[in-house]
Protein backbone atom coordinates (compact mmCIF):
# COMPACT_ATOMS: atom_id res chain seq x y z
CA MET A 1 -12.65 9.69 -90.28
CA GLY A 2 -14.19 8.66 -86.95
CA VAL A 3 -16.15 5.52 -86.15
CA MET A 4 -19.51 7.29 -86.24
CA GLN A 5 -18.76 8.99 -89.55
CA ARG A 6 -17.76 5.69 -91.13
CA PHE A 7 -20.97 4.14 -89.85
CA GLU A 8 -23.10 6.89 -91.38
CA ARG A 9 -21.28 6.60 -94.71
CA ARG A 10 -21.78 2.82 -94.89
CA LEU A 11 -25.40 3.20 -93.87
CA GLY A 12 -26.00 5.79 -96.57
CA GLY A 13 -24.87 3.34 -99.24
CA LEU A 14 -26.75 0.41 -97.80
CA VAL A 15 -30.28 1.29 -98.87
CA GLU A 16 -30.27 4.63 -100.64
CA GLY A 17 -32.82 6.97 -99.16
CA ALA A 18 -34.67 4.21 -97.32
CA PHE A 19 -33.49 4.89 -93.78
CA ALA A 20 -34.33 8.57 -93.95
CA LYS A 21 -37.96 7.61 -94.66
CA VAL A 22 -38.06 4.70 -92.23
CA PHE A 23 -36.85 6.71 -89.28
CA LYS A 24 -38.73 9.93 -89.96
CA GLY A 25 -40.22 11.00 -86.64
CA GLY A 26 -38.80 7.98 -84.85
CA VAL A 27 -35.49 6.45 -83.79
CA GLU A 28 -32.49 7.25 -86.00
CA PRO A 29 -29.69 4.75 -86.68
CA VAL A 30 -27.01 7.13 -85.41
CA GLU A 31 -28.81 7.25 -82.03
CA LEU A 32 -28.62 3.47 -81.78
CA ALA A 33 -24.96 3.50 -82.77
CA GLY A 34 -24.13 6.04 -80.09
CA ALA A 35 -26.08 4.08 -77.51
CA LEU A 36 -24.11 0.90 -78.27
CA ALA A 37 -20.79 2.71 -77.94
CA ARG A 38 -21.87 4.17 -74.59
CA GLU A 39 -23.04 0.74 -73.44
CA CYS A 40 -19.54 -0.60 -74.07
CA ASP A 41 -17.94 2.31 -72.23
CA ASP A 42 -20.29 2.08 -69.25
CA ARG A 43 -20.10 -1.70 -68.83
CA LYS A 44 -16.40 -2.37 -69.41
CA ALA A 45 -14.70 -4.58 -66.84
CA VAL A 46 -11.08 -3.53 -66.38
CA SER A 47 -8.39 -5.97 -65.25
CA ALA A 48 -4.63 -5.81 -65.19
CA THR A 49 -4.38 -7.13 -68.74
CA ARG A 50 -7.51 -6.07 -70.59
CA SER A 51 -10.81 -4.20 -70.67
CA LEU A 52 -13.63 -6.65 -71.32
CA VAL A 53 -16.89 -5.33 -72.80
CA PRO A 54 -20.22 -6.94 -73.76
CA ASN A 55 -20.45 -8.62 -77.14
CA GLU A 56 -24.17 -9.39 -77.32
CA PHE A 57 -26.66 -6.54 -77.61
CA THR A 58 -30.44 -6.42 -77.87
CA ILE A 59 -32.11 -3.16 -78.88
CA ALA A 60 -35.79 -2.95 -77.94
CA LEU A 61 -37.88 -0.54 -80.02
CA SER A 62 -41.46 0.62 -79.88
CA ASP A 63 -43.87 -1.45 -81.96
CA GLN A 64 -44.16 1.37 -84.50
CA ASP A 65 -40.40 1.85 -84.86
CA TYR A 66 -39.83 -1.89 -85.09
CA GLN A 67 -42.47 -2.41 -87.78
CA ARG A 68 -41.00 0.38 -89.90
CA LEU A 69 -37.48 -0.95 -89.41
CA ALA A 70 -38.12 -4.69 -89.80
CA PRO A 71 -37.31 -4.90 -93.56
CA TYR A 72 -33.79 -3.57 -92.82
CA SER A 73 -33.16 -5.18 -89.42
CA ASP A 74 -30.57 -7.72 -90.58
CA ALA A 75 -28.52 -5.19 -92.55
CA LEU A 76 -28.72 -2.60 -89.78
CA GLY A 77 -27.78 -5.19 -87.16
CA GLU A 78 -24.64 -6.09 -89.12
CA GLU A 79 -23.65 -2.45 -89.50
CA LEU A 80 -24.20 -1.78 -85.79
CA ALA A 81 -22.07 -4.82 -84.93
CA THR A 82 -19.31 -3.47 -87.18
CA LEU A 83 -19.50 -0.12 -85.40
CA VAL A 84 -19.16 -1.85 -82.00
CA ARG A 85 -16.07 -3.72 -83.20
CA GLU A 86 -14.49 -0.53 -84.57
CA HIS A 87 -15.24 1.39 -81.38
CA ALA A 88 -13.72 -1.44 -79.33
CA ALA A 89 -10.59 -1.42 -81.48
CA GLU A 90 -10.13 2.32 -80.95
CA GLN A 91 -10.60 2.00 -77.19
CA ARG A 92 -8.60 -1.27 -76.97
CA TYR A 93 -11.54 -3.22 -75.59
CA THR A 94 -11.74 -7.00 -75.91
CA PHE A 95 -14.60 -9.48 -76.42
CA VAL A 96 -15.01 -13.13 -75.42
CA GLY A 97 -17.08 -13.99 -78.48
CA PRO A 98 -18.53 -12.64 -81.72
CA VAL A 99 -20.40 -9.32 -81.62
CA LEU A 100 -24.12 -9.76 -82.17
CA VAL A 101 -26.74 -7.00 -82.37
CA ARG A 102 -30.41 -7.98 -82.41
CA LEU A 103 -33.49 -5.81 -82.78
CA THR A 104 -36.73 -6.57 -80.99
CA HIS A 105 -39.84 -4.70 -79.91
CA ASP A 106 -41.50 -3.82 -76.61
CA ASP A 107 -45.11 -2.67 -76.64
CA GLU A 108 -44.48 -0.59 -73.52
CA LEU A 109 -42.08 1.72 -75.36
CA ALA A 110 -43.31 4.89 -77.06
CA LEU A 111 -42.37 6.01 -80.57
CA GLY A 112 -38.78 7.24 -80.63
CA ILE A 113 -37.86 5.54 -77.35
CA TYR A 114 -35.56 2.52 -77.25
CA ARG A 115 -33.72 0.33 -74.71
CA VAL A 116 -30.33 -1.36 -75.00
CA ASP A 117 -29.56 -4.58 -73.11
CA SER A 118 -26.10 -6.16 -73.27
CA SER A 119 -24.30 -9.23 -72.03
CA VAL A 120 -20.99 -11.06 -72.24
CA GLY A 121 -21.39 -14.45 -73.86
CA SER A 122 -19.26 -16.82 -75.91
CA THR A 123 -22.21 -18.76 -77.37
CA PRO A 124 -25.30 -17.10 -78.87
CA GLY A 125 -28.32 -17.88 -76.77
CA LEU A 126 -27.05 -17.92 -73.20
CA SER A 127 -24.87 -15.77 -71.01
CA GLY A 128 -24.23 -15.18 -67.36
CA PRO A 129 -21.53 -15.46 -64.70
CA GLY A 130 -21.67 -19.26 -64.65
CA ALA A 131 -21.94 -19.91 -68.39
CA GLY A 132 -19.37 -21.91 -70.34
CA ARG A 133 -19.11 -24.22 -73.35
CA HIS A 134 -18.33 -27.91 -73.12
CA PRO A 135 -18.59 -29.33 -76.63
CA SER A 136 -17.23 -32.76 -75.76
CA GLY A 137 -15.65 -34.87 -73.07
CA ASP A 138 -16.58 -35.60 -69.46
CA ARG A 139 -18.52 -32.62 -68.11
CA SER A 140 -18.97 -34.09 -64.62
CA GLN A 141 -15.41 -33.17 -63.66
CA GLU A 142 -15.75 -29.62 -64.95
CA SER A 143 -18.94 -29.02 -62.96
CA ASN A 144 -17.48 -30.68 -59.83
CA GLY A 145 -20.82 -32.36 -59.24
CA ARG A 146 -22.70 -29.07 -58.80
CA PRO A 147 -26.27 -28.85 -60.08
CA ARG A 148 -26.34 -27.04 -63.41
CA LEU A 149 -28.48 -26.02 -66.36
CA VAL A 150 -27.64 -27.10 -69.90
CA LEU A 151 -28.88 -25.04 -72.86
CA THR A 152 -29.78 -27.51 -75.61
CA SER A 153 -31.51 -25.11 -78.03
CA GLY A 154 -32.33 -21.45 -78.29
CA GLY A 155 -34.08 -18.79 -80.31
CA SER A 156 -30.82 -17.21 -81.44
CA VAL A 157 -28.70 -20.23 -82.38
CA ARG A 158 -27.08 -19.59 -85.77
CA ALA A 159 -25.81 -22.02 -88.37
CA GLY A 160 -22.08 -22.63 -88.03
CA THR A 161 -21.92 -21.85 -84.31
CA ALA A 162 -20.91 -24.29 -81.58
CA ALA A 163 -24.52 -24.48 -80.39
CA ALA A 164 -25.76 -25.40 -83.85
CA ALA A 165 -23.12 -28.13 -84.02
CA GLY A 166 -24.45 -29.69 -80.84
CA ALA A 167 -22.12 -28.14 -78.28
CA GLU A 168 -23.80 -27.64 -74.92
CA THR A 169 -23.64 -24.50 -72.86
CA GLU A 170 -23.75 -24.97 -69.09
CA TYR A 171 -24.63 -22.65 -66.23
CA SER A 172 -23.60 -23.74 -62.74
CA LEU A 173 -26.27 -23.23 -60.05
CA ASP A 174 -23.91 -21.97 -57.38
CA ARG A 175 -26.22 -19.42 -55.75
CA GLU A 176 -29.44 -19.68 -53.76
CA LEU A 177 -31.59 -17.85 -56.33
CA VAL A 178 -31.07 -17.59 -60.10
CA VAL A 179 -33.41 -15.40 -62.16
CA ILE A 180 -33.73 -16.42 -65.82
CA GLY A 181 -34.82 -13.92 -68.46
CA ARG A 182 -33.97 -11.63 -71.34
CA GLY A 183 -33.42 -8.44 -69.35
CA SER A 184 -30.19 -7.04 -67.95
CA GLU A 185 -31.35 -7.71 -64.39
CA ALA A 186 -31.50 -11.49 -64.96
CA ASP A 187 -28.72 -13.69 -63.59
CA LEU A 188 -29.01 -16.08 -66.55
CA ARG A 189 -29.79 -14.18 -69.74
CA LEU A 190 -31.31 -15.82 -72.82
CA SER A 191 -31.17 -14.02 -76.18
CA ASP A 192 -34.65 -15.21 -77.11
CA THR A 193 -37.46 -12.80 -77.99
CA GLY A 194 -39.99 -15.33 -76.65
CA VAL A 195 -38.49 -15.00 -73.17
CA SER A 196 -39.64 -12.22 -70.83
CA ARG A 197 -37.21 -9.86 -69.12
CA ARG A 198 -37.80 -11.75 -65.83
CA HIS A 199 -39.22 -15.04 -67.04
CA GLY A 200 -38.62 -17.53 -64.24
CA GLU A 201 -36.42 -18.41 -61.29
CA ILE A 202 -34.63 -21.41 -59.86
CA ARG A 203 -34.43 -21.42 -56.06
CA GLN A 204 -32.31 -23.70 -53.93
CA ILE A 205 -34.20 -25.82 -51.40
CA GLY A 206 -32.19 -27.16 -48.50
CA ASP A 207 -28.60 -28.11 -49.25
CA SER A 208 -28.82 -29.37 -52.81
CA GLU A 209 -32.40 -29.43 -54.13
CA HIS A 210 -33.85 -26.89 -56.57
CA ALA A 211 -37.29 -25.77 -57.74
CA TYR A 212 -38.33 -23.81 -60.84
CA ARG A 213 -41.05 -21.14 -60.72
CA ASP A 214 -42.46 -19.03 -63.54
CA LEU A 215 -42.53 -15.31 -62.67
CA GLY A 216 -45.70 -14.44 -64.54
CA SER A 217 -44.00 -14.41 -67.94
CA THR A 218 -45.85 -13.45 -71.11
CA ASN A 219 -45.44 -16.81 -72.86
CA GLY A 220 -45.31 -19.04 -69.80
CA SER A 221 -42.98 -21.90 -68.84
CA LYS A 222 -43.19 -25.67 -69.00
CA VAL A 223 -41.30 -28.34 -67.09
CA ASN A 224 -41.40 -31.69 -68.89
CA GLY A 225 -44.34 -30.39 -70.93
CA LYS A 226 -46.41 -29.27 -67.94
CA ALA A 227 -47.04 -25.61 -67.15
CA SER A 228 -45.29 -23.93 -64.23
CA THR A 229 -47.07 -20.96 -62.65
CA PRO A 230 -46.07 -18.41 -60.01
CA ALA A 231 -48.28 -20.24 -57.52
CA HIS A 232 -47.02 -23.72 -58.43
CA PRO A 233 -43.21 -24.08 -58.47
CA VAL A 234 -41.86 -27.44 -59.65
CA ARG A 235 -39.21 -29.36 -57.75
CA LEU A 236 -36.46 -30.38 -60.18
CA ARG A 237 -34.73 -33.70 -60.67
CA ASP A 238 -31.87 -34.73 -62.91
CA GLY A 239 -32.93 -34.59 -66.57
CA ASP A 240 -35.93 -32.30 -66.15
CA ARG A 241 -36.44 -30.02 -69.16
CA ILE A 242 -37.52 -26.39 -68.72
CA GLN A 243 -39.02 -24.76 -71.83
CA LEU A 244 -39.00 -20.94 -72.10
CA GLY A 245 -39.86 -19.39 -75.46
CA LYS A 246 -37.71 -21.19 -78.05
CA SER A 247 -35.07 -22.04 -75.47
CA SER A 248 -34.75 -25.35 -73.65
CA LEU A 249 -32.79 -25.81 -70.41
CA VAL A 250 -32.08 -29.22 -68.92
CA TYR A 251 -31.47 -29.52 -65.17
CA ARG A 252 -28.46 -31.72 -64.46
CA LYS A 253 -27.44 -33.08 -61.09
CA ASP A 254 -25.14 -35.98 -60.31
CA GLU A 255 -27.28 -38.41 -58.36
CA THR A 256 -27.15 -42.03 -57.23
CA PRO A 257 -29.16 -44.37 -59.51
CA ARG A 258 -32.84 -44.71 -58.65
CA SER A 259 -34.68 -47.99 -58.33
CA SER A 260 -36.75 -49.18 -61.27
CA GLY A 261 -39.88 -47.82 -59.60
CA GLY A 262 -38.44 -44.33 -59.24
CA ARG A 263 -39.40 -41.31 -61.34
CA GLN A 264 -37.24 -40.74 -64.40
CA GLY A 265 -36.87 -37.08 -65.32
CA GLY A 266 -36.56 -35.73 -68.83
CA GLU A 267 -38.66 -34.59 -71.75
CA GLY A 268 -41.80 -36.63 -72.15
CA SER A 269 -41.70 -38.18 -68.69
CA GLY A 270 -44.89 -36.32 -67.86
CA ALA A 271 -44.15 -36.20 -64.14
CA SER A 272 -43.31 -33.29 -61.90
CA ASP A 273 -43.30 -32.61 -58.17
CA GLU A 274 -44.51 -29.35 -56.75
CA ALA A 275 -42.20 -27.70 -54.28
């Protein structure tokens, strides 16, 4: 029995008769399953020793499909994750972390239309080419003094994960422009439904300074509790906290100590400089 057949059999026993009614005229579970398998195939990264594929998936549905599916979203997400793992085993793909499948909605999608976004991430909540976990120890050596973002909370943190236990996930700012968002085009991707596909950006200024700018996101951004707008980027200093949706990113930069009259960054400082 193939992967897809096993998926359909498990789904049939999950909620007897319910899915046939829920998906009538809209998206069908088998379509989503096939889309996830194709996403793995299309986005695999082949090296000499392994074929690495995404392990975090977000399926965006139309509002109507999502509302009809919401009562079964957790069960369906688990079954879809199982299908991804089985497909990967057959194709000898590997993951860097647990497989997670989340369902969300997009009011721009029509009934029966869906979108799959995927990423490679070892900690739920944040992924990207510079992401890594540092649960303890001296992180200054690991970052080599480079400016970085630290994810301290997120909309998708689950009980029992490293993030829930207090482990921090870091993203090194080693490029001139870093786009933060939920979409596949973002450089730093947050699995947070309160974050827009292209939510904000961090741009390097000069040799080592950075500024954050909101990109016209739906829910907006705050730096140290103050709103950031497309027209008013905020110059960042060590300890500044950027709030996007349910996710919180802290800007870290190894700096020489400031005098007592200097500005102290961090949540609640209430001060920000416009770039």
